[in-house]
Amino acid sequence: MIQEQQPGINMDITLSLAPLIALIAGVLILVAPKLLNYIVAGYLIVFGLIGLFGANNLGF
């Protein structure tokens, strides 16, 4: 009798960069509201660079 293999469930976990940075920025703003300008500026710079060069070229 030949046993048939049941198809396994493959789960891929991917980590997106945008939600991770947004989460870190939100926590930093809650902890130190005076850093808001710097956090927003850094966020915009990072996503501007990702938009120009693409996330694949940055090694993420």
C-alpha atoms as a PDB file:
ATOM      1  CA  MET A   1       0.000   0.000   0.000  1.00  0.00           C
ATOM      2  CA  ILE A   2       1.401   3.341  -1.050  1.00  0.00           C
ATOM      3  CA  GLN A   3       0.896   6.195   1.374  1.00  0.00           C
ATOM      4  CA  GLU A   4       0.135   9.551  -0.073  1.00  0.00           C
ATOM      5  CA  GLN A   5       1.979  12.471   1.433  1.00  0.00           C
ATOM      6  CA  GLN A   6      -0.224  15.211   2.666  1.00  0.00           C
ATOM      7  CA  PRO A   7       0.769  18.628   1.466  1.00  0.00           C
ATOM      8  CA  GLY A   8       2.446  20.573   4.232  1.00  0.00           C
ATOM      9  CA  ILE A   9       1.566  24.084   5.144  1.00  0.00           C
ATOM     10  CA  ASN A  10       4.383  26.441   4.280  1.00  0.00           C
ATOM     11  CA  MET A  11       4.459  29.649   6.266  1.00  0.00           C
ATOM     12  CA  ASP A  12       6.711  32.444   5.156  1.00  0.00           C
ATOM     13  CA  ILE A  13       7.297  35.281   7.558  1.00  0.00           C
ATOM     14  CA  THR A  14       8.437  38.481   5.931  1.00  0.00           C
ATOM     15  CA  LEU A  15       9.396  41.630   7.734  1.00  0.00           C
ATOM     16  CA  SER A  16       8.531  44.844   5.978  1.00  0.00           C
ATOM     17  CA  LEU A  17      10.718  47.819   6.622  1.00  0.00           C
ATOM     18  CA  ALA A  18       8.011  50.499   6.687  1.00  0.00           C
ATOM     19  CA  PRO A  19       5.895  49.155   9.560  1.00  0.00           C
ATOM     20  CA  LEU A  20       8.985  48.405  11.629  1.00  0.00           C
ATOM     21  CA  ILE A  21      10.341  51.937  11.272  1.00  0.00           C
ATOM     22  CA  ALA A  22       6.893  53.413  11.929  1.00  0.00           C
ATOM     23  CA  LEU A  23       6.565  51.350  15.113  1.00  0.00           C
ATOM     24  CA  ILE A  24       9.989  52.416  16.381  1.00  0.00           C
ATOM     25  CA  ALA A  25       9.262  56.057  15.541  1.00  0.00           C
ATOM     26  CA  GLY A  26       5.909  55.913  17.350  1.00  0.00           C
ATOM     27  CA  VAL A  27       7.465  54.475  20.492  1.00  0.00           C
ATOM     28  CA  LEU A  28      10.232  57.075  20.453  1.00  0.00           C
ATOM     29  CA  ILE A  29       7.689  59.881  20.090  1.00  0.00           C
ATOM     30  CA  LEU A  30       5.740  58.539  23.081  1.00  0.00           C
ATOM     31  CA  VAL A  31       8.886  58.231  25.188  1.00  0.00           C
ATOM     32  CA  ALA A  32      10.503  61.533  24.206  1.00  0.00           C
ATOM     33  CA  PRO A  33       8.078  63.957  22.510  1.00  0.00           C
ATOM     34  CA  LYS A  34      10.803  66.590  22.128  1.00  0.00           C
ATOM     35  CA  LEU A  35      12.454  64.338  19.528  1.00  0.00           C
ATOM     36  CA  LEU A  36       9.435  64.556  17.217  1.00  0.00           C
ATOM     37  CA  ASN A  37      11.126  66.815  14.646  1.00  0.00           C
ATOM     38  CA  TYR A  38      14.200  64.601  14.419  1.00  0.00           C
ATOM     39  CA  ILE A  39      12.179  61.397  14.227  1.00  0.00           C
ATOM     40  CA  VAL A  40       9.954  62.742  11.447  1.00  0.00           C
ATOM     41  CA  ALA A  41      12.958  64.080   9.538  1.00  0.00           C
ATOM     42  CA  GLY A  42      14.779  60.760   9.815  1.00  0.00           C
ATOM     43  CA  TYR A  43      11.667  58.858   8.739  1.00  0.00           C
ATOM     44  CA  LEU A  44      11.253  61.046   5.665  1.00  0.00           C
ATOM     45  CA  ILE A  45      14.919  60.756   4.730  1.00  0.00           C
ATOM     46  CA  VAL A  46      14.943  56.967   5.074  1.00  0.00           C
ATOM     47  CA  PHE A  47      11.815  56.489   2.980  1.00  0.00           C
ATOM     48  CA  GLY A  48      12.964  59.051   0.444  1.00  0.00           C
ATOM     49  CA  LEU A  49      16.166  57.062  -0.063  1.00  0.00           C
ATOM     50  CA  ILE A  50      14.260  53.788  -0.249  1.00  0.00           C
ATOM     51  CA  GLY A  51      11.911  55.326  -2.798  1.00  0.00           C
ATOM     52  CA  LEU A  52      14.780  56.582  -4.945  1.00  0.00           C
ATOM     53  CA  PHE A  53      17.053  53.548  -4.830  1.00  0.00           C
ATOM     54  CA  GLY A  54      14.677  50.747  -3.888  1.00  0.00           C
ATOM     55  CA  ALA A  55      14.872  48.520  -0.833  1.00  0.00           C
ATOM     56  CA  ASN A  56      16.601  45.706  -2.751  1.00  0.00           C
ATOM     57  CA  ASN A  57      19.618  47.886  -3.526  1.00  0.00           C
ATOM     58  CA  LEU A  58      20.056  48.853   0.132  1.00  0.00           C
ATOM     59  CA  GLY A  59      20.470  45.258   1.281  1.00  0.00           C
ATOM     60  CA  PHE A  60      17.126  44.887   3.059  1.00  0.00           C
END
